[in-house]
């Protein structure tokens, strides 16, 4: 039997898990859309539901936890956001497949940045790619700075993410672009 996380961003699933995967994808997409629209509470609810329904170590669970942490941070609940980022950190790398390495490492690094508790600047992240799945680290670092009240530092990081070309293999990229545009606006 295939593991629920086969084909991290798609793939084929046995019929008995297909409905679960589809529901998780629906919850995560709906959450990303309301997050981009600025409805932090509704996003929190959707991501919490997605996290409760998924595999504790899989990619979808990391998406749910990371997005839940973002919704909590932006919704003015920093302590709860930190708890979610700790869960992301504890789940660590969700896959040992080479094609997942950039995204898996990004989740680990994003959680470390969010837990840091101090502003990040563009120079702090110069080792990270400006394109591909790893570019998401600029989004999450920018959100961490934004939630700390470091708006100017956040804008630089968010702009770096916005400058990255879209990555078709990364779900929610367009929703993340809308969120970054919202947060980077003066």
N, C-alpha and C. Protein backbone atom coordinates (compact mmCIF):
# COMPACT_ATOMS: atom_id res chain seq x y z
N UNK A 1 0.84 -1.18 0.00
CA UNK A 1 0.00 0.00 0.00
C UNK A 1 0.89 1.24 0.00
N UNK A 2 0.56 2.21 -0.79
CA UNK A 2 1.32 3.46 -0.89
C UNK A 2 1.15 4.28 0.36
N UNK A 3 2.18 4.99 0.70
CA UNK A 3 2.15 5.90 1.84
C UNK A 3 1.36 7.14 1.46
N UNK A 4 0.68 7.73 2.40
CA UNK A 4 -0.17 8.89 2.15
C UNK A 4 0.58 10.01 1.45
N UNK A 5 1.87 10.16 1.72
CA UNK A 5 2.63 11.26 1.17
C UNK A 5 3.29 10.95 -0.16
N UNK A 6 3.02 9.80 -0.77
CA UNK A 6 3.59 9.52 -2.08
C UNK A 6 3.24 10.66 -3.02
N UNK A 7 4.19 11.07 -3.81
CA UNK A 7 3.93 12.16 -4.73
C UNK A 7 3.59 13.41 -3.94
N UNK A 8 4.55 13.96 -3.23
CA UNK A 8 4.33 15.03 -2.27
C UNK A 8 3.35 16.09 -2.77
N UNK A 9 3.45 16.48 -4.01
CA UNK A 9 2.56 17.51 -4.53
C UNK A 9 1.64 16.96 -5.61
N UNK A 10 1.30 15.77 -5.50
CA UNK A 10 0.43 15.13 -6.48
C UNK A 10 0.61 13.64 -6.35
N UNK A 11 0.58 12.94 -7.42
CA UNK A 11 0.86 11.52 -7.37
C UNK A 11 -0.40 10.69 -7.37
N UNK A 12 -0.19 9.40 -7.24
CA UNK A 12 -1.29 8.45 -7.31
C UNK A 12 -1.43 7.79 -5.95
N UNK A 13 -2.66 7.65 -5.52
CA UNK A 13 -2.94 7.10 -4.21
C UNK A 13 -3.95 5.96 -4.36
N UNK A 14 -3.87 4.98 -3.49
CA UNK A 14 -4.87 3.92 -3.52
C UNK A 14 -6.24 4.53 -3.18
N UNK A 15 -7.29 3.95 -3.68
CA UNK A 15 -8.63 4.51 -3.48
C UNK A 15 -8.98 4.77 -2.01
N UNK A 16 -8.52 3.92 -1.11
CA UNK A 16 -8.88 4.08 0.29
C UNK A 16 -8.27 5.33 0.95
N UNK A 17 -7.22 5.89 0.36
CA UNK A 17 -6.65 7.12 0.94
C UNK A 17 -6.85 8.33 0.03
N UNK A 18 -7.30 8.11 -1.17
CA UNK A 18 -7.48 9.22 -2.11
C UNK A 18 -8.40 10.30 -1.54
N UNK A 19 -9.52 9.91 -0.94
CA UNK A 19 -10.44 10.90 -0.39
C UNK A 19 -9.81 11.70 0.74
N UNK A 20 -8.96 11.08 1.53
CA UNK A 20 -8.27 11.79 2.61
C UNK A 20 -7.30 12.81 2.03
N UNK A 21 -6.55 12.39 1.02
CA UNK A 21 -5.59 13.28 0.37
C UNK A 21 -6.31 14.45 -0.27
N UNK A 22 -7.39 14.18 -0.96
CA UNK A 22 -8.15 15.26 -1.60
C UNK A 22 -8.70 16.25 -0.57
N UNK A 23 -9.20 15.75 0.55
CA UNK A 23 -9.71 16.63 1.61
C UNK A 23 -8.59 17.49 2.18
N UNK A 24 -7.44 16.89 2.41
CA UNK A 24 -6.29 17.66 2.92
C UNK A 24 -5.90 18.74 1.92
N UNK A 25 -5.84 18.39 0.65
CA UNK A 25 -5.49 19.38 -0.37
C UNK A 25 -6.51 20.51 -0.39
N UNK A 26 -7.78 20.19 -0.26
CA UNK A 26 -8.83 21.21 -0.25
C UNK A 26 -8.67 22.13 0.96
N UNK A 27 -8.44 21.55 2.12
CA UNK A 27 -8.26 22.35 3.34
C UNK A 27 -7.04 23.26 3.24
N UNK A 28 -5.94 22.71 2.74
CA UNK A 28 -4.72 23.50 2.63
C UNK A 28 -4.86 24.63 1.61
N UNK A 29 -5.50 24.34 0.47
CA UNK A 29 -5.70 25.39 -0.53
C UNK A 29 -6.66 26.46 -0.01
N UNK A 30 -7.74 26.06 0.61
CA UNK A 30 -8.69 27.03 1.17
C UNK A 30 -8.01 27.88 2.24
N UNK A 31 -7.20 27.24 3.07
CA UNK A 31 -6.47 27.97 4.10
C UNK A 31 -5.50 28.97 3.50
N UNK A 32 -4.78 28.56 2.46
CA UNK A 32 -3.84 29.47 1.81
C UNK A 32 -4.57 30.65 1.20
N UNK A 33 -5.72 30.40 0.61
CA UNK A 33 -6.49 31.49 0.00
C UNK A 33 -6.99 32.49 1.03
N UNK A 34 -7.52 32.01 2.16
CA UNK A 34 -8.01 32.96 3.17
C UNK A 34 -6.85 33.62 3.90
N UNK A 35 -5.73 32.94 4.00
CA UNK A 35 -4.54 33.56 4.57
C UNK A 35 -4.11 34.74 3.70
N UNK A 36 -4.08 34.52 2.39
CA UNK A 36 -3.71 35.58 1.46
C UNK A 36 -4.68 36.75 1.52
N UNK A 37 -5.94 36.46 1.83
CA UNK A 37 -6.96 37.50 1.93
C UNK A 37 -6.91 38.23 3.27
N UNK A 38 -6.11 37.73 4.20
CA UNK A 38 -5.96 38.40 5.49
C UNK A 38 -6.91 37.95 6.57
N UNK A 39 -7.60 36.85 6.38
CA UNK A 39 -8.50 36.32 7.41
C UNK A 39 -7.73 35.30 8.25
N UNK A 40 -6.97 35.81 9.20
CA UNK A 40 -6.06 34.97 9.99
C UNK A 40 -6.82 33.90 10.77
N UNK A 41 -7.96 34.25 11.35
CA UNK A 41 -8.70 33.29 12.18
C UNK A 41 -9.26 32.14 11.34
N UNK A 42 -9.85 32.45 10.22
CA UNK A 42 -10.38 31.39 9.34
C UNK A 42 -9.23 30.52 8.84
N UNK A 43 -8.11 31.13 8.49
CA UNK A 43 -6.94 30.36 8.06
C UNK A 43 -6.47 29.44 9.18
N UNK A 44 -6.44 29.97 10.39
CA UNK A 44 -6.03 29.16 11.55
C UNK A 44 -6.92 27.93 11.67
N UNK A 45 -8.22 28.12 11.55
CA UNK A 45 -9.16 27.00 11.67
C UNK A 45 -8.93 25.95 10.59
N UNK A 46 -8.75 26.40 9.36
CA UNK A 46 -8.56 25.46 8.25
C UNK A 46 -7.25 24.70 8.38
N UNK A 47 -6.18 25.39 8.75
CA UNK A 47 -4.89 24.71 8.88
C UNK A 47 -4.87 23.78 10.09
N UNK A 48 -5.56 24.14 11.16
CA UNK A 48 -5.66 23.24 12.32
C UNK A 48 -6.40 21.97 11.93
N UNK A 49 -7.47 22.12 11.17
CA UNK A 49 -8.23 20.95 10.72
C UNK A 49 -7.37 20.08 9.80
N UNK A 50 -6.64 20.71 8.89
CA UNK A 50 -5.77 19.95 7.98
C UNK A 50 -4.68 19.23 8.76
N UNK A 51 -4.10 19.89 9.74
CA UNK A 51 -3.06 19.27 10.54
C UNK A 51 -3.56 18.08 11.34
N UNK A 52 -4.79 18.17 11.83
CA UNK A 52 -5.38 17.08 12.61
C UNK A 52 -5.70 15.87 11.74
N UNK A 53 -5.90 16.11 10.45
CA UNK A 53 -6.30 15.03 9.55
C UNK A 53 -5.13 14.34 8.85
N UNK A 54 -3.92 14.89 8.96
CA UNK A 54 -2.81 14.39 8.16
C UNK A 54 -1.82 13.54 8.92
N UNK A 55 -0.90 12.99 8.17
CA UNK A 55 0.23 12.22 8.67
C UNK A 55 1.14 13.17 9.45
N UNK A 56 1.55 12.80 10.64
CA UNK A 56 2.31 13.69 11.52
C UNK A 56 3.66 14.12 10.96
N UNK A 57 4.27 13.32 10.08
CA UNK A 57 5.60 13.68 9.57
C UNK A 57 5.62 14.01 8.09
N UNK A 58 4.54 13.91 7.42
CA UNK A 58 4.53 14.09 5.98
C UNK A 58 4.58 15.54 5.54
N UNK A 59 4.75 15.71 4.24
CA UNK A 59 4.84 17.05 3.66
C UNK A 59 3.58 17.85 3.92
N UNK A 60 2.43 17.24 3.76
CA UNK A 60 1.19 17.99 3.98
C UNK A 60 1.06 18.42 5.43
N UNK A 61 1.52 17.60 6.35
CA UNK A 61 1.50 17.99 7.75
C UNK A 61 2.42 19.18 8.00
N UNK A 62 3.58 19.19 7.34
CA UNK A 62 4.49 20.33 7.48
C UNK A 62 3.86 21.59 6.89
N UNK A 63 3.17 21.46 5.75
CA UNK A 63 2.47 22.62 5.18
C UNK A 63 1.43 23.12 6.17
N UNK A 64 0.66 22.20 6.74
CA UNK A 64 -0.40 22.59 7.68
C UNK A 64 0.19 23.28 8.90
N UNK A 65 1.23 22.69 9.49
CA UNK A 65 1.84 23.28 10.70
C UNK A 65 2.46 24.64 10.39
N UNK A 66 3.19 24.74 9.29
CA UNK A 66 3.84 26.01 8.94
C UNK A 66 2.81 27.10 8.71
N UNK A 67 1.78 26.77 7.95
CA UNK A 67 0.74 27.76 7.68
C UNK A 67 -0.07 28.10 8.92
N UNK A 68 -0.28 27.13 9.78
CA UNK A 68 -0.97 27.41 11.04
C UNK A 68 -0.12 28.37 11.88
N UNK A 69 1.17 28.14 11.92
CA UNK A 69 2.07 29.05 12.66
C UNK A 69 2.00 30.46 12.09
N UNK A 70 1.97 30.57 10.77
CA UNK A 70 1.87 31.88 10.12
C UNK A 70 0.56 32.56 10.50
N UNK A 71 -0.55 31.84 10.40
CA UNK A 71 -1.86 32.42 10.73
C UNK A 71 -1.89 32.88 12.19
N UNK A 72 -1.32 32.08 13.08
CA UNK A 72 -1.28 32.45 14.49
C UNK A 72 -0.41 33.69 14.71
N UNK A 73 0.76 33.71 14.08
CA UNK A 73 1.66 34.86 14.24
C UNK A 73 1.01 36.14 13.72
N UNK A 74 0.43 36.07 12.54
CA UNK A 74 -0.19 37.25 11.96
C UNK A 74 -1.46 37.64 12.70
N UNK A 75 -2.08 36.67 13.35
CA UNK A 75 -3.29 36.93 14.13
C UNK A 75 -3.01 37.39 15.55
N UNK A 76 -1.75 37.69 15.84
CA UNK A 76 -1.42 38.21 17.17
C UNK A 76 -1.34 37.18 18.27
N UNK A 77 -1.02 35.95 17.91
CA UNK A 77 -0.89 34.87 18.90
C UNK A 77 0.52 34.29 18.83
N UNK A 78 1.53 35.07 19.21
CA UNK A 78 2.92 34.63 19.03
C UNK A 78 3.30 33.39 19.82
N UNK A 79 2.77 33.22 21.01
CA UNK A 79 3.14 32.03 21.80
C UNK A 79 2.64 30.75 21.13
N UNK A 80 1.41 30.79 20.64
CA UNK A 80 0.86 29.63 19.94
C UNK A 80 1.61 29.39 18.63
N UNK A 81 1.99 30.47 17.96
CA UNK A 81 2.76 30.34 16.71
C UNK A 81 4.09 29.65 17.00
N UNK A 82 4.75 30.05 18.07
CA UNK A 82 6.03 29.41 18.43
C UNK A 82 5.85 27.92 18.68
N UNK A 83 4.75 27.54 19.32
CA UNK A 83 4.49 26.12 19.57
C UNK A 83 4.35 25.35 18.26
N UNK A 84 3.68 25.95 17.28
CA UNK A 84 3.54 25.28 15.98
C UNK A 84 4.88 25.20 15.26
N UNK A 85 5.68 26.27 15.33
CA UNK A 85 7.00 26.21 14.68
C UNK A 85 7.87 25.16 15.35
N UNK A 86 7.71 24.95 16.66
CA UNK A 86 8.47 23.88 17.33
C UNK A 86 8.06 22.52 16.78
N UNK A 87 6.78 22.35 16.47
CA UNK A 87 6.31 21.09 15.88
C UNK A 87 6.92 20.88 14.50
N UNK A 88 7.02 21.96 13.73
CA UNK A 88 7.65 21.86 12.41
C UNK A 88 9.10 21.41 12.59
N UNK A 89 9.78 22.04 13.53
CA UNK A 89 11.18 21.71 13.80
C UNK A 89 11.33 20.25 14.26
N UNK A 90 10.43 19.79 15.13
CA UNK A 90 10.51 18.42 15.64
C UNK A 90 10.23 17.38 14.55
N UNK A 91 9.32 17.71 13.63
CA UNK A 91 9.03 16.77 12.54
C UNK A 91 10.20 16.71 11.57
N UNK A 92 11.00 17.76 11.55
CA UNK A 92 12.23 17.85 10.76
C UNK A 92 11.99 17.49 9.30
N UNK A 93 12.94 16.80 8.74
CA UNK A 93 12.88 16.47 7.32
C UNK A 93 11.83 15.39 7.10
N UNK A 94 10.87 15.68 6.23
CA UNK A 94 9.76 14.77 6.02
C UNK A 94 10.04 13.71 4.97
N UNK A 95 11.14 13.84 4.26
CA UNK A 95 11.41 12.92 3.16
C UNK A 95 12.91 12.79 2.96
N UNK A 96 13.33 11.62 2.53
CA UNK A 96 14.74 11.44 2.17
C UNK A 96 14.91 11.37 0.66
N UNK A 97 13.85 11.71 -0.08
CA UNK A 97 13.94 11.71 -1.54
C UNK A 97 14.68 12.97 -2.00
N UNK A 98 15.65 12.82 -2.90
CA UNK A 98 16.43 13.98 -3.35
C UNK A 98 15.57 15.13 -3.89
N UNK A 99 14.50 14.80 -4.59
CA UNK A 99 13.66 15.85 -5.17
C UNK A 99 12.91 16.66 -4.12
N UNK A 100 12.84 16.18 -2.89
CA UNK A 100 12.16 16.89 -1.80
C UNK A 100 13.12 17.68 -0.92
N UNK A 101 14.42 17.56 -1.15
CA UNK A 101 15.39 18.11 -0.20
C UNK A 101 15.28 19.63 -0.03
N UNK A 102 15.11 20.39 -1.09
CA UNK A 102 15.04 21.85 -0.95
C UNK A 102 13.85 22.26 -0.10
N UNK A 103 12.72 21.64 -0.34
CA UNK A 103 11.53 21.99 0.42
C UNK A 103 11.63 21.51 1.87
N UNK A 104 12.12 20.30 2.07
CA UNK A 104 12.26 19.77 3.42
C UNK A 104 13.22 20.63 4.24
N UNK A 105 14.34 21.01 3.65
CA UNK A 105 15.29 21.87 4.35
C UNK A 105 14.71 23.25 4.62
N UNK A 106 13.90 23.75 3.68
CA UNK A 106 13.28 25.05 3.87
C UNK A 106 12.38 25.04 5.10
N UNK A 107 11.60 23.97 5.30
CA UNK A 107 10.73 23.89 6.47
C UNK A 107 11.55 23.94 7.76
N UNK A 108 12.63 23.20 7.80
CA UNK A 108 13.48 23.17 8.99
C UNK A 108 14.08 24.55 9.24
N UNK A 109 14.61 25.18 8.20
CA UNK A 109 15.21 26.50 8.36
C UNK A 109 14.17 27.56 8.71
N UNK A 110 13.00 27.49 8.08
CA UNK A 110 11.95 28.47 8.38
C UNK A 110 11.54 28.39 9.84
N UNK A 111 11.46 27.19 10.38
CA UNK A 111 11.09 27.06 11.79
C UNK A 111 12.18 27.66 12.68
N UNK A 112 13.44 27.45 12.33
CA UNK A 112 14.54 28.03 13.11
C UNK A 112 14.48 29.56 13.08
N UNK A 113 14.17 30.12 11.91
CA UNK A 113 14.08 31.59 11.80
C UNK A 113 12.92 32.11 12.63
N UNK A 114 11.79 31.45 12.56
CA UNK A 114 10.62 31.90 13.31
C UNK A 114 10.84 31.79 14.82
N UNK A 115 11.59 30.79 15.24
CA UNK A 115 11.86 30.60 16.67
C UNK A 115 12.97 31.49 17.18
N UNK A 116 13.70 32.09 16.28
CA UNK A 116 14.85 32.94 16.64
C UNK A 116 14.44 34.11 17.52
N UNK A 117 13.31 34.73 17.23
CA UNK A 117 12.81 35.81 18.07
C UNK A 117 13.45 37.17 17.82
N UNK A 118 14.30 37.26 16.81
CA UNK A 118 14.88 38.55 16.45
C UNK A 118 14.83 38.69 14.94
N UNK A 119 14.90 39.92 14.49
CA UNK A 119 14.74 40.20 13.06
C UNK A 119 15.84 39.56 12.23
N UNK A 120 15.45 39.13 11.04
CA UNK A 120 16.38 38.64 10.05
C UNK A 120 16.51 39.70 8.98
N UNK A 121 17.64 39.73 8.35
CA UNK A 121 17.86 40.68 7.26
C UNK A 121 18.29 39.91 6.03
N UNK A 122 18.19 40.54 4.91
CA UNK A 122 18.47 39.87 3.65
C UNK A 122 19.87 39.25 3.65
N UNK A 123 20.85 39.90 4.27
CA UNK A 123 22.21 39.36 4.32
C UNK A 123 22.30 38.08 5.14
N UNK A 124 21.39 37.91 6.10
CA UNK A 124 21.37 36.69 6.91
C UNK A 124 21.01 35.46 6.07
N UNK A 125 20.39 35.70 4.93
CA UNK A 125 19.88 34.61 4.12
C UNK A 125 20.57 34.45 2.77
N UNK A 126 21.74 35.03 2.62
CA UNK A 126 22.38 35.02 1.30
C UNK A 126 22.76 33.63 0.80
N UNK A 127 22.82 32.64 1.65
CA UNK A 127 23.13 31.28 1.19
C UNK A 127 21.90 30.56 0.61
N UNK A 128 20.73 31.17 0.73
CA UNK A 128 19.51 30.53 0.26
C UNK A 128 19.23 30.87 -1.19
N UNK A 129 18.63 29.94 -1.91
CA UNK A 129 18.36 30.18 -3.33
C UNK A 129 17.32 31.28 -3.54
N UNK A 130 17.49 32.02 -4.61
CA UNK A 130 16.54 33.08 -4.95
C UNK A 130 15.43 32.55 -5.84
N UNK A 131 15.46 31.27 -6.13
CA UNK A 131 14.40 30.67 -6.95
C UNK A 131 14.21 29.22 -6.50
N UNK A 132 13.15 28.62 -7.01
CA UNK A 132 12.84 27.24 -6.64
C UNK A 132 12.17 27.17 -5.28
N UNK A 133 11.89 25.96 -4.81
CA UNK A 133 11.19 25.80 -3.54
C UNK A 133 11.91 26.45 -2.36
N UNK A 134 13.23 26.47 -2.39
CA UNK A 134 13.99 27.07 -1.29
C UNK A 134 13.74 28.55 -1.10
N UNK A 135 13.25 29.23 -2.15
CA UNK A 135 12.96 30.66 -2.06
C UNK A 135 11.83 30.96 -1.09
N UNK A 136 11.06 29.94 -0.74
CA UNK A 136 10.00 30.14 0.25
C UNK A 136 10.55 30.58 1.61
N UNK A 137 11.82 30.30 1.86
CA UNK A 137 12.41 30.69 3.13
C UNK A 137 12.34 32.22 3.31
N UNK A 138 12.42 32.97 2.20
CA UNK A 138 12.32 34.43 2.28
C UNK A 138 10.91 34.84 2.72
N UNK A 139 9.91 34.12 2.25
CA UNK A 139 8.54 34.40 2.67
C UNK A 139 8.38 34.18 4.16
N UNK A 140 8.77 33.00 4.63
CA UNK A 140 8.58 32.67 6.04
C UNK A 140 9.43 33.55 6.94
N UNK A 141 10.65 33.88 6.52
CA UNK A 141 11.49 34.80 7.30
C UNK A 141 10.87 36.20 7.33
N UNK A 142 10.31 36.63 6.20
CA UNK A 142 9.65 37.93 6.14
C UNK A 142 8.44 37.98 7.05
N UNK A 143 7.68 36.90 7.09
CA UNK A 143 6.52 36.83 7.97
C UNK A 143 6.96 36.86 9.43
N UNK A 144 8.05 36.15 9.73
CA UNK A 144 8.58 36.17 11.10
C UNK A 144 8.95 37.60 11.50
N UNK A 145 9.65 38.31 10.62
CA UNK A 145 10.01 39.71 10.91
C UNK A 145 8.76 40.57 11.05
N UNK A 146 7.81 40.39 10.17
CA UNK A 146 6.57 41.17 10.21
C UNK A 146 5.87 40.98 11.54
N UNK A 147 5.79 39.73 12.00
CA UNK A 147 5.09 39.45 13.26
C UNK A 147 5.85 39.99 14.47
N UNK A 148 7.15 40.25 14.31
CA UNK A 148 7.95 40.87 15.37
C UNK A 148 7.85 42.40 15.34
N UNK A 149 7.12 42.93 14.35
CA UNK A 149 7.01 44.38 14.21
C UNK A 149 8.15 45.00 13.42
N UNK A 150 9.01 44.17 12.85
CA UNK A 150 10.16 44.63 12.06
C UNK A 150 9.75 44.76 10.60
N UNK A 151 8.90 45.72 10.33
CA UNK A 151 8.26 45.85 9.01
C UNK A 151 9.26 46.12 7.88
N UNK A 152 10.26 46.96 8.14
CA UNK A 152 11.22 47.28 7.07
C UNK A 152 12.05 46.06 6.69
N UNK A 153 12.54 45.33 7.69
CA UNK A 153 13.29 44.10 7.40
C UNK A 153 12.39 43.09 6.69
N UNK A 154 11.14 43.02 7.13
CA UNK A 154 10.18 42.10 6.51
C UNK A 154 9.97 42.43 5.04
N UNK A 155 9.85 43.71 4.72
CA UNK A 155 9.61 44.10 3.33
C UNK A 155 10.72 43.63 2.39
N UNK A 156 11.97 43.76 2.83
CA UNK A 156 13.09 43.31 2.00
C UNK A 156 13.04 41.82 1.74
N UNK A 157 12.73 41.04 2.76
CA UNK A 157 12.65 39.59 2.61
C UNK A 157 11.46 39.19 1.75
N UNK A 158 10.33 39.83 2.00
CA UNK A 158 9.13 39.53 1.21
C UNK A 158 9.33 39.90 -0.26
N UNK A 159 10.02 41.00 -0.51
CA UNK A 159 10.29 41.40 -1.89
C UNK A 159 11.19 40.38 -2.58
N UNK A 160 12.15 39.84 -1.85
CA UNK A 160 13.03 38.81 -2.41
C UNK A 160 12.20 37.60 -2.84
N UNK A 161 11.23 37.23 -2.01
CA UNK A 161 10.33 36.14 -2.38
C UNK A 161 9.50 36.52 -3.61
N UNK A 162 8.97 37.73 -3.61
CA UNK A 162 8.15 38.19 -4.74
C UNK A 162 8.94 38.24 -6.05
N UNK A 163 10.23 38.46 -5.97
CA UNK A 163 11.08 38.49 -7.16
C UNK A 163 11.37 37.10 -7.73
N UNK A 164 11.13 36.07 -6.93
CA UNK A 164 11.40 34.70 -7.38
C UNK A 164 10.35 34.28 -8.41
N UNK A 165 10.79 33.58 -9.45
CA UNK A 165 9.81 33.09 -10.42
C UNK A 165 8.91 32.03 -9.78
N UNK A 166 7.65 31.98 -10.19
CA UNK A 166 6.73 30.97 -9.63
C UNK A 166 7.27 29.56 -9.84
N UNK A 167 6.99 28.70 -8.88
CA UNK A 167 7.42 27.31 -8.95
C UNK A 167 6.16 26.45 -9.03
N UNK A 168 5.97 25.83 -10.17
CA UNK A 168 4.75 25.04 -10.39
C UNK A 168 4.62 23.87 -9.42
N UNK A 169 5.74 23.31 -8.99
CA UNK A 169 5.68 22.14 -8.12
C UNK A 169 5.37 22.50 -6.66
N UNK A 170 5.35 23.79 -6.35
CA UNK A 170 5.07 24.20 -4.97
C UNK A 170 3.61 24.65 -4.88
N UNK A 171 2.83 23.93 -4.09
CA UNK A 171 1.44 24.33 -3.95
C UNK A 171 1.34 25.67 -3.22
N UNK A 172 0.28 26.38 -3.49
CA UNK A 172 -0.04 27.63 -2.77
C UNK A 172 0.87 28.79 -3.14
N UNK A 173 1.74 28.64 -4.15
CA UNK A 173 2.68 29.71 -4.49
C UNK A 173 1.95 31.01 -4.77
N UNK A 174 0.90 30.95 -5.56
CA UNK A 174 0.18 32.19 -5.91
C UNK A 174 -0.48 32.80 -4.69
N UNK A 175 -1.03 31.99 -3.80
CA UNK A 175 -1.61 32.52 -2.56
C UNK A 175 -0.52 33.17 -1.71
N UNK A 176 0.65 32.55 -1.68
CA UNK A 176 1.77 33.13 -0.92
C UNK A 176 2.21 34.46 -1.53
N UNK A 177 2.17 34.56 -2.85
CA UNK A 177 2.52 35.84 -3.50
C UNK A 177 1.54 36.93 -3.07
N UNK A 178 0.24 36.59 -3.05
CA UNK A 178 -0.75 37.59 -2.62
C UNK A 178 -0.54 37.99 -1.16
N UNK A 179 -0.19 37.02 -0.32
CA UNK A 179 0.08 37.32 1.08
C UNK A 179 1.30 38.22 1.20
N UNK A 180 2.37 37.87 0.49
CA UNK A 180 3.59 38.68 0.55
C UNK A 180 3.32 40.10 0.05
N UNK A 181 2.54 40.25 -1.00
CA UNK A 181 2.19 41.58 -1.50
C UNK A 181 1.42 42.37 -0.45
N UNK A 182 0.50 41.71 0.22
CA UNK A 182 -0.30 42.35 1.29
C UNK A 182 0.63 42.85 2.41
N UNK A 183 1.54 41.99 2.85
CA UNK A 183 2.40 42.33 3.98
C UNK A 183 3.48 43.33 3.60
N UNK A 184 3.94 43.31 2.36
CA UNK A 184 5.02 44.20 1.92
C UNK A 184 4.53 45.60 1.57
N UNK A 185 3.22 45.74 1.44
CA UNK A 185 2.68 47.06 1.08
C UNK A 185 2.97 48.07 2.20
N UNK A 186 3.30 49.30 1.80
CA UNK A 186 3.61 50.32 2.84
C UNK A 186 2.39 50.68 3.67
